[in-house]
Structures are given as C-alpha cells and as structure tokens.
Amino acid sequence: MAVGKGWEGVVLKLLRGKDFTFTVTGAEQVTPQYRRIRFTDGGLLAAAGDSLHPTMWVRLWFADNGKPHQRAYTLVDPDPAAGTFALEFALHDGVASDWARSAAVGDTIDATVQGTGFTAPAPAPERLLVIGDPASLPAINSLLDAYPQTPATIWFETQHEADADLPVRLDPDRHEIRRVPRTGAGTGLVEQIHAELPALAADREGAYVWLACDTATTRTLTGYLRKDLGLPKQRVNSLGYWRPTAAQV
C-alpha cells in the first residue's frame, strides 16, 4: 500500500530515514484485542546489519482520509537470514488498527526507519525493572530475549480480561510479572510503582528501569524515577508509546 508521507516524510528524509515496503505473509489473532502480522522485510534487516538491536522499531504509514498517518511498531523475532519479522498490534479505534484487522497475505505497507536506538546499560543490571502494557509487549519480549540470564520484575498494565493470555516471554525461574489493571488514567500503575519499585532499586547506580506506557504515565514515572528516587539518566530508558482515547482512560 503506497501512501504519500507528507511533511513528516520530508522531515524523516532530511534526517536520513530509510524507506522500505513490507509484504504481509500471514496473520494471527492472538486475543480479541491483539493481532500478530508476519512480513517479508523488503531488505530492511540486511540494510540494518549490525545496527539491529532489542526494542528496534519502524514507522508504518497509513492513509487517514487521504492524509498520511504514521505509527511506530517494534520488530518481533527478526530473522535477517530469511528477511522476515512480525509486528504486533494492540487493537483499538484508529486507522492503524483498522488496517491490521483486515491485513491479508500479499498486502503491502510502506515503512520508514529513523530514530530507533538502544544503549545497552553498563554495567549490566543485576535485575531488569520493566514497566509496560500490551502496546509495549513486543519491546518487553525483545528485552527479555536480549538478557536471557538476567532476572526481571515486570509491571504489566492491563485493560482487558484477555490480556492475561498475551504472550509475555517469561522464564519462571528468572522472571516475575505483576499485572496491574488500568485505573484512573494510569494512576493505579503509578501508585503500585511508588509502593513496590524502590525496594528493588536500592542500588541507585546499578538499578536499570525500562519503561514504556502511555505518554502521560511514562512522563510521570520518569520524573519520579529520576527526581524522587535519584536514578541516573543512563539507568532509566523511557518512551511514551501512545496517547489514550476517552475509552482507554
């Protein structure tokens, strides 16, 4: 699906963004609100080479009433040798979710790679402290895959009963997940982090927190981790993944 990219596409080009076209090879409805779509990569993984990293994301382009609309998604199980990967969509109202619901084998979609990055924490953390939700699940799983021997505590915000069936890649010997129902526009998650995370981040220089929720919650928690807990900037990796609609508050 070829989509004009408007002024955002021009800016990304100036920032040396690289464009690719992905082709759908299959789709799987994981839960009623979560869909996995598999693609051939249009040369993306070969072009990425050694820069392929955990939590790597791409911008997909959709048509929204004739106007370009882009959203970012994390690569799932990229296979450079085969030139394939998957993307996972937390479904809600919107053109990206509408496209994902109807995507069929042979469909194509344009993508741009620019802005993605990951700096490995040094020293390596003794425990990963991860805060996320279904939208950031692919990135969470890629982080767990990248540190297979590292224990992790994951606070995972949920909105639907079926979120309990989402494929979090947990190793029961190393990983602990704390599911937090979404309440008060994310305030429930904030309160639980305030109550539980400090005890696991007693070593301020050695702790490492990876955080990706809705933009407001991410901003609130990032300020808390940096200012109140005193974690160094390089020990907190945070990114707001989405903005809630009225139905998601």
Protein backbone atom coordinates (compact mmCIF):
# COMPACT_ATOMS: atom_id res chain seq x y z
CA MET A 1 0.00 0.00 0.00
CA ALA A 2 1.71 3.15 -1.20
CA VAL A 3 0.91 6.20 0.92
CA GLY A 4 2.17 9.76 0.48
CA LYS A 5 4.13 10.74 3.57
CA GLY A 6 3.50 14.49 3.66
CA TRP A 7 5.68 16.89 5.64
CA GLU A 8 6.58 14.19 8.19
CA GLY A 9 8.08 12.09 5.41
CA VAL A 10 10.09 15.07 4.17
CA VAL A 11 11.48 15.67 7.67
CA LEU A 12 12.38 11.98 8.06
CA LYS A 13 14.16 12.05 4.72
CA LEU A 14 16.19 15.06 5.85
CA LEU A 15 17.06 13.07 8.99
CA ARG A 16 18.27 10.23 6.74
CA GLY A 17 15.31 7.99 7.32
CA LYS A 18 15.31 4.92 5.09
CA ASP A 19 12.13 3.72 3.35
CA PHE A 20 11.07 0.11 2.82
CA THR A 21 7.99 -1.77 1.68
CA PHE A 22 6.82 -4.76 3.74
CA THR A 23 4.63 -7.58 2.40
CA VAL A 24 2.19 -9.50 4.58
CA THR A 25 2.79 -13.26 4.69
CA GLY A 26 0.34 -14.21 7.44
CA ALA A 27 -1.71 -13.04 10.42
CA GLU A 28 -2.78 -14.44 13.76
CA GLN A 29 -5.46 -13.19 16.14
CA VAL A 30 -3.68 -13.69 19.49
CA THR A 31 -6.55 -12.30 21.59
CA PRO A 32 -9.65 -10.31 20.56
CA GLN A 33 -7.65 -7.11 21.17
CA TYR A 34 -4.23 -8.23 19.92
CA ARG A 35 -3.12 -9.27 16.42
CA ARG A 36 0.23 -10.50 15.11
CA ILE A 37 1.09 -9.96 11.43
CA ARG A 38 4.08 -11.52 9.69
CA PHE A 39 6.01 -9.82 6.89
CA THR A 40 8.86 -10.07 4.45
CA ASP A 41 11.12 -7.13 5.17
CA GLY A 42 11.76 -5.50 1.79
CA GLY A 43 15.51 -5.50 2.53
CA LEU A 44 15.26 -3.82 5.95
CA LEU A 45 17.18 -6.39 8.00
CA ALA A 46 20.04 -6.66 5.54
CA ALA A 47 20.30 -2.86 5.50
CA ALA A 48 20.25 -2.75 9.31
CA GLY A 49 23.20 -5.14 9.60
CA ASP A 50 24.95 -4.79 12.94
CA SER A 51 22.59 -1.98 14.00
CA LEU A 52 19.77 -4.46 14.62
CA HIS A 53 19.01 -4.18 18.34
CA PRO A 54 16.46 -5.07 21.03
CA THR A 55 13.31 -2.90 21.05
CA MET A 56 14.02 -1.83 17.42
CA TRP A 57 11.01 -0.14 15.86
CA VAL A 58 9.83 1.08 12.48
CA ARG A 59 7.28 3.68 11.39
CA LEU A 60 4.38 2.34 9.33
CA TRP A 61 2.42 4.65 7.03
CA PHE A 62 -1.37 4.52 6.78
CA ALA A 63 -3.91 6.56 4.80
CA ASP A 64 -6.30 8.53 7.01
CA ASN A 65 -8.98 10.13 4.84
CA GLY A 66 -6.39 10.88 2.21
CA LYS A 67 -3.80 12.16 4.66
CA PRO A 68 -0.63 10.31 5.76
CA HIS A 69 -0.65 8.86 9.27
CA GLN A 70 2.33 7.09 10.83
CA ARG A 71 2.68 4.87 13.89
CA ALA A 72 5.69 3.05 15.33
CA TYR A 73 5.87 -0.71 15.92
CA THR A 74 8.57 -2.94 17.37
CA LEU A 75 10.09 -5.74 15.30
CA VAL A 76 9.17 -9.18 16.62
CA ASP A 77 11.55 -12.11 16.01
CA PRO A 78 13.52 -10.51 13.15
CA ASP A 79 15.28 -13.14 11.04
CA PRO A 80 17.97 -11.47 8.89
CA ALA A 81 18.77 -14.70 7.03
CA ALA A 82 15.15 -15.16 5.94
CA GLY A 83 14.36 -11.45 5.68
CA THR A 84 11.26 -11.81 7.83
CA PHE A 85 9.76 -10.50 11.08
CA ALA A 86 6.38 -9.92 12.70
CA LEU A 87 4.64 -6.88 14.14
CA GLU A 88 2.05 -6.99 16.91
CA PHE A 89 -0.91 -4.62 17.15
CA ALA A 90 -2.80 -3.76 20.34
CA LEU A 91 -6.17 -3.14 18.69
CA HIS A 92 -8.37 -0.13 19.41
CA ASP A 93 -10.12 2.53 17.32
CA GLY A 94 -7.97 4.10 14.60
CA VAL A 95 -6.64 3.67 11.09
CA ALA A 96 -3.63 1.55 12.12
CA SER A 97 -5.80 -0.95 13.99
CA ASP A 98 -8.33 -0.97 11.16
CA TRP A 99 -5.54 -1.83 8.72
CA ALA A 100 -4.24 -4.59 10.99
CA ARG A 101 -7.69 -6.16 11.38
CA SER A 102 -8.11 -6.58 7.64
CA ALA A 103 -4.49 -7.23 6.56
CA ALA A 104 -4.23 -10.27 4.30
CA VAL A 105 -1.44 -12.24 2.63
CA GLY A 106 0.06 -10.20 -0.20
CA ASP A 107 -0.89 -6.79 1.19
CA THR A 108 1.96 -4.28 1.35
CA ILE A 109 2.68 -1.33 3.58
CA ASP A 110 5.31 1.40 3.46
CA ALA A 111 7.68 1.94 6.37
CA THR A 112 10.45 4.29 7.41
CA VAL A 113 13.31 3.53 9.79
CA GLN A 114 14.59 6.57 11.65
CA GLY A 115 15.01 7.40 15.32
CA THR A 116 15.18 3.90 16.74
CA GLY A 117 18.06 3.10 19.09
CA PHE A 118 19.09 1.20 22.18
CA THR A 119 22.02 1.78 24.51
CA ALA A 120 22.91 -1.32 26.49
CA PRO A 121 23.15 -0.50 30.20
CA ALA A 122 26.71 -0.55 31.55
CA PRO A 123 27.36 -2.03 33.97
CA ALA A 124 24.86 -4.72 33.07
CA PRO A 125 21.94 -4.74 35.53
CA GLU A 126 21.60 -7.49 38.10
CA ARG A 127 17.82 -7.26 37.59
CA LEU A 128 15.69 -5.70 34.86
CA LEU A 129 12.89 -3.50 36.18
CA VAL A 130 10.36 -3.28 33.35
CA ILE A 131 7.13 -1.24 33.22
CA GLY A 132 4.81 -1.61 30.25
CA ASP A 133 1.49 -2.68 28.76
CA PRO A 134 0.18 -4.53 25.68
CA ALA A 135 1.39 -1.78 23.33
CA SER A 136 4.97 -2.22 24.53
CA LEU A 137 4.84 -6.03 24.88
CA PRO A 138 6.92 -6.69 21.72
CA ALA A 139 9.68 -4.42 23.07
CA ILE A 140 9.47 -6.06 26.50
CA ASN A 141 9.86 -9.50 24.96
CA SER A 142 12.83 -8.39 22.87
CA LEU A 143 14.47 -7.03 26.01
CA LEU A 144 13.94 -10.30 27.87
CA ASP A 145 15.36 -12.18 24.86
CA ALA A 146 18.43 -9.91 24.85
CA TYR A 147 19.16 -10.62 28.53
CA PRO A 148 18.18 -14.28 28.92
CA GLN A 149 20.19 -14.83 32.11
CA THR A 150 19.12 -11.64 33.89
CA PRO A 151 16.29 -11.76 36.45
CA ALA A 152 13.42 -9.37 35.73
CA THR A 153 10.45 -7.88 37.52
CA ILE A 154 7.74 -6.70 35.13
CA TRP A 155 4.83 -4.42 35.99
CA PHE A 156 2.33 -5.01 33.19
CA GLU A 157 -0.71 -2.76 32.93
CA THR A 158 -3.83 -4.47 31.52
CA GLN A 159 -7.18 -3.24 30.19
CA HIS A 160 -8.94 -6.42 29.06
CA GLU A 161 -9.51 -9.81 30.64
CA ALA A 162 -7.85 -11.43 27.62
CA ASP A 163 -4.62 -9.52 28.33
CA ALA A 164 -3.80 -12.37 30.73
CA ASP A 165 -3.34 -14.55 27.61
CA LEU A 166 -0.83 -12.28 25.90
CA PRO A 167 2.49 -13.99 25.08
CA VAL A 168 4.87 -12.50 27.64
CA ARG A 169 8.10 -14.49 27.32
CA LEU A 170 8.51 -15.37 30.95
CA ASP A 171 11.12 -17.70 32.36
CA PRO A 172 9.54 -18.84 35.65
CA ASP A 173 13.00 -19.30 37.16
CA ARG A 174 14.08 -15.70 36.45
CA HIS A 175 11.07 -13.53 35.72
CA GLU A 176 8.28 -12.16 37.89
CA ILE A 177 5.26 -10.41 36.39
CA ARG A 178 2.96 -8.13 38.38
CA ARG A 179 -0.23 -7.44 36.42
CA VAL A 180 -1.83 -4.07 37.17
CA PRO A 181 -5.40 -3.35 35.97
CA ARG A 182 -5.58 0.09 34.34
CA THR A 183 -7.40 2.55 36.59
CA GLY A 184 -7.58 6.31 36.86
CA ALA A 185 -5.84 7.04 33.53
CA GLY A 186 -2.79 5.12 34.72
CA THR A 187 -2.73 6.31 38.33
CA GLY A 188 -3.13 2.73 39.57
CA LEU A 189 0.13 1.77 37.89
CA VAL A 190 1.89 4.87 39.22
CA GLU A 191 0.78 4.10 42.77
CA GLN A 192 1.95 0.49 42.52
CA ILE A 193 5.35 1.53 41.18
CA HIS A 194 5.72 4.00 44.05
CA ALA A 195 4.91 1.23 46.53
CA GLU A 196 6.97 -1.60 45.08
CA LEU A 197 9.85 -0.44 42.88
CA PRO A 198 12.04 1.43 45.40
CA ALA A 199 12.86 -1.75 47.32
CA LEU A 200 14.17 -3.31 44.08
CA ALA A 201 16.21 -0.22 43.13
CA ALA A 202 18.10 0.30 46.37
CA ASP A 203 21.39 0.41 44.43
CA ARG A 204 20.77 3.63 42.50
CA GLU A 205 23.87 3.26 40.28
CA GLY A 206 23.21 -0.39 39.46
CA ALA A 207 19.44 -0.38 39.01
CA TYR A 208 18.05 -0.30 35.46
CA VAL A 209 14.46 0.59 34.58
CA TRP A 210 12.94 0.18 31.12
CA LEU A 211 9.61 1.98 30.83
CA ALA A 212 7.06 2.38 28.02
CA CYS A 213 3.38 3.13 28.71
CA ASP A 214 1.01 5.86 27.61
CA THR A 215 2.72 9.23 27.29
CA ALA A 216 1.30 10.83 30.44
CA THR A 217 2.05 7.84 32.68
CA THR A 218 5.52 7.49 31.18
CA ARG A 219 6.26 11.16 31.84
CA THR A 220 5.02 10.92 35.43
CA LEU A 221 7.00 7.78 36.22
CA THR A 222 10.16 9.04 34.52
CA GLY A 223 10.09 12.14 36.71
CA TYR A 224 9.57 10.00 39.80
CA LEU A 225 12.43 7.65 38.94
CA ARG A 226 14.87 10.45 38.13
CA LYS A 227 13.95 13.11 40.71
CA ASP A 228 12.43 11.26 43.64
CA LEU A 229 14.41 8.01 43.51
CA GLY A 230 17.55 9.65 42.15
CA LEU A 231 18.27 7.12 39.42
CA PRO A 232 20.93 8.35 36.96
CA LYS A 233 19.71 9.27 33.49
CA GLN A 234 21.56 6.38 31.85
CA ARG A 235 19.80 3.88 34.14
CA VAL A 236 16.29 4.86 33.02
CA ASN A 237 15.14 4.12 29.46
CA SER A 238 11.67 5.58 28.93
CA LEU A 239 9.45 6.27 25.94
CA GLY A 240 5.77 7.21 25.75
CA TYR A 241 4.18 4.72 23.35
CA TRP A 242 0.62 6.00 22.95
CA ARG A 243 -1.95 8.64 23.87
CA PRO A 244 -5.19 7.35 25.42
CA THR A 245 -8.60 8.00 23.95
CA ALA A 246 -11.62 8.58 26.16
CA ALA A 247 -12.37 4.85 26.05
CA GLN A 248 -8.85 3.96 27.22
CA VAL A 249 -8.67 6.31 30.21
